[in-house]
Amino acid sequence: MQSWRNLETIMGKQDAVSPNDYLYLHETPLIGKNFYRIRRLSSMGQEAYSEILAIEVSFAASEGVLIAPNPVAKTLIIMNAMQYDTDVNIDITATNGSVLHRVNIPAGVMHSEDLQVVDLPTGIYFARIRFGNGDVKTVKIVKI
């Protein structure tokens, strides 16, 4: 049994004669196969579906945490691009190792956090990302 989730609704261009182009970027696909189709609804309420397309998404778990923009001036966005089986903990530290901010990405959810860094002095900082399996990844952050 397949279940479908609506990712976006885009208003049609009302031109049934000419080709119509639409664009949508799925920013949080699941790891593995993702299936997509387009549901069209006419002004008379009739439904039609496009063919189903599959896209395989594959990347290492250590690459599933996004920290952007970098360099950063005011707000650092920390988010996961995949759901993890265990919590992921992120420490933002100064070069001397002192922890300035802590962020937790809970297991099993998609999480996004806006971290205000406008008050931090210009310089180099680090994001130390600790995964549940014991892996640690460090990302250099430049504050402008």
Protein backbone atom coordinates (compact mmCIF):
# COMPACT_ATOMS: atom_id res chain seq x y z
CA MET A 1 0.00 0.00 0.00
CA GLN A 2 1.49 3.32 -1.07
CA SER A 3 0.68 6.53 0.70
CA TRP A 4 1.34 9.92 -0.85
CA ARG A 5 2.15 13.22 0.81
CA ASN A 6 1.47 16.60 -0.79
CA LEU A 7 4.76 18.52 -0.99
CA GLU A 8 3.56 21.65 -2.75
CA THR A 9 0.51 23.16 -4.43
CA ILE A 10 1.17 25.35 -7.44
CA MET A 11 -1.58 27.25 -9.26
CA GLY A 12 -1.95 26.20 -12.88
CA LYS A 13 -1.18 28.62 -15.68
CA GLN A 14 -4.62 28.26 -17.29
CA ASP A 15 -3.12 27.68 -20.76
CA ALA A 16 -4.31 24.28 -22.00
CA VAL A 17 -2.82 24.75 -25.48
CA SER A 18 0.82 25.75 -24.85
CA PRO A 19 3.34 23.76 -22.80
CA ASN A 20 3.51 24.89 -19.17
CA ASP A 21 6.68 24.58 -17.08
CA TYR A 22 6.68 24.36 -13.28
CA LEU A 23 9.55 24.09 -10.81
CA TYR A 24 9.67 22.70 -7.28
CA LEU A 25 12.68 21.68 -5.16
CA HIS A 26 12.09 19.01 -2.49
CA GLU A 27 14.49 20.19 0.20
CA THR A 28 14.09 17.28 2.64
CA PRO A 29 13.90 14.01 0.68
CA LEU A 30 14.34 10.76 2.58
CA ILE A 31 17.43 8.61 2.17
CA GLY A 32 16.66 5.86 -0.35
CA LYS A 33 14.05 5.91 -3.08
CA ASN A 34 11.65 8.83 -3.21
CA PHE A 35 8.66 8.55 -5.54
CA TYR A 36 7.09 11.59 -7.18
CA ARG A 37 4.01 12.27 -9.27
CA ILE A 38 2.02 15.32 -10.22
CA ARG A 39 -1.67 15.53 -9.45
CA ARG A 40 -3.58 17.79 -11.81
CA LEU A 41 -6.99 19.10 -10.88
CA SER A 42 -9.13 20.72 -13.56
CA SER A 43 -11.41 23.67 -12.94
CA MET A 44 -14.26 21.13 -13.20
CA GLY A 45 -12.80 19.07 -10.34
CA GLN A 46 -11.44 16.20 -12.44
CA GLU A 47 -8.19 14.59 -11.23
CA ALA A 48 -5.37 13.25 -13.39
CA TYR A 49 -1.95 11.95 -12.35
CA SER A 50 1.40 12.00 -14.12
CA GLU A 51 3.60 8.96 -14.39
CA ILE A 52 5.47 8.05 -11.20
CA LEU A 53 9.18 8.88 -11.15
CA ALA A 54 11.69 7.57 -8.59
CA ILE A 55 14.79 9.42 -7.41
CA GLU A 56 17.41 7.64 -5.30
CA VAL A 57 18.95 9.82 -2.56
CA SER A 58 22.18 8.59 -1.04
CA PHE A 59 24.73 10.35 1.15
CA ALA A 60 26.68 9.61 4.30
CA ALA A 61 24.98 10.27 7.63
CA SER A 62 27.82 12.65 8.53
CA GLU A 63 26.80 14.85 5.59
CA GLY A 64 23.18 15.15 6.75
CA VAL A 65 23.60 18.23 8.96
CA LEU A 66 23.54 21.64 7.26
CA ILE A 67 25.18 24.67 8.87
CA ALA A 68 24.71 27.78 6.72
CA PRO A 69 25.39 30.42 5.63
CA ASN A 70 29.15 30.25 6.02
CA PRO A 71 30.53 32.88 6.35
CA VAL A 72 27.76 34.19 8.60
CA ALA A 73 26.90 37.70 9.78
CA LYS A 74 23.71 37.47 11.85
CA THR A 75 21.87 34.14 11.82
CA LEU A 76 23.32 30.66 11.48
CA ILE A 77 20.83 28.03 10.31
CA ILE A 78 21.38 24.52 11.65
CA MET A 79 19.20 21.77 10.23
CA ASN A 80 19.21 18.11 9.34
CA ALA A 81 18.59 16.80 5.84
CA MET A 82 17.73 13.33 7.09
CA GLN A 83 16.15 11.78 10.16
CA TYR A 84 18.60 10.15 12.57
CA ASP A 85 17.98 7.11 14.79
CA THR A 86 19.62 8.88 17.76
CA ASP A 87 19.99 12.49 18.86
CA VAL A 88 22.66 14.58 17.12
CA ASN A 89 24.38 17.15 19.33
CA ILE A 90 26.14 20.23 18.00
CA ASP A 91 28.43 22.47 20.03
CA ILE A 92 29.42 25.86 18.62
CA THR A 93 32.80 26.67 20.14
CA ALA A 94 35.40 29.40 20.15
CA THR A 95 38.94 28.55 19.05
CA ASN A 96 39.92 28.07 22.72
CA GLY A 97 37.32 25.28 23.03
CA SER A 98 34.75 27.13 25.15
CA VAL A 99 31.19 26.16 24.21
CA LEU A 100 29.13 29.18 23.11
CA HIS A 101 25.95 27.44 21.94
CA ARG A 102 24.49 23.94 22.10
CA VAL A 103 21.98 22.60 19.60
CA ASN A 104 20.22 19.23 19.78
CA ILE A 105 18.62 17.55 16.79
CA PRO A 106 16.19 15.00 18.29
CA ALA A 107 16.08 11.47 16.91
CA GLY A 108 13.41 10.74 14.32
CA VAL A 109 12.46 14.32 13.39
CA MET A 110 13.34 16.99 10.88
CA HIS A 111 14.66 19.94 12.86
CA SER A 112 15.74 23.47 11.95
CA GLU A 113 17.09 26.09 14.30
CA ASP A 114 18.02 29.73 13.69
CA LEU A 115 20.99 30.57 15.90
CA GLN A 116 21.60 34.27 16.44
CA VAL A 117 25.36 35.01 16.23
CA VAL A 118 25.21 38.75 15.56
CA ASP A 119 26.75 39.47 18.99
CA LEU A 120 29.77 37.21 18.43
CA PRO A 121 32.99 38.99 17.49
CA THR A 122 34.31 38.58 13.95
CA GLY A 123 36.51 35.50 13.76
CA ILE A 124 36.74 31.73 13.47
CA TYR A 125 34.44 29.33 15.34
CA PHE A 126 33.81 25.60 15.16
CA ALA A 127 30.70 23.43 15.03
CA ARG A 128 31.45 20.05 16.60
CA ILE A 129 28.75 17.62 15.47
CA ARG A 130 28.40 14.43 17.55
CA PHE A 131 26.40 11.57 16.06
CA GLY A 132 24.81 8.76 18.06
CA ASN A 133 27.19 6.16 16.65
CA GLY A 134 30.17 8.02 18.16
CA ASP A 135 31.29 9.77 14.98
CA VAL A 136 32.32 13.41 15.33
CA LYS A 137 32.54 15.95 12.52
CA THR A 138 33.99 19.43 12.93
CA VAL A 139 33.02 22.33 10.65
CA LYS A 140 34.87 25.65 10.64
CA ILE A 141 32.55 28.68 10.75
CA VAL A 142 33.64 32.17 9.75
CA LYS A 143 31.81 35.04 11.49
CA ILE A 144 31.97 38.28 9.52
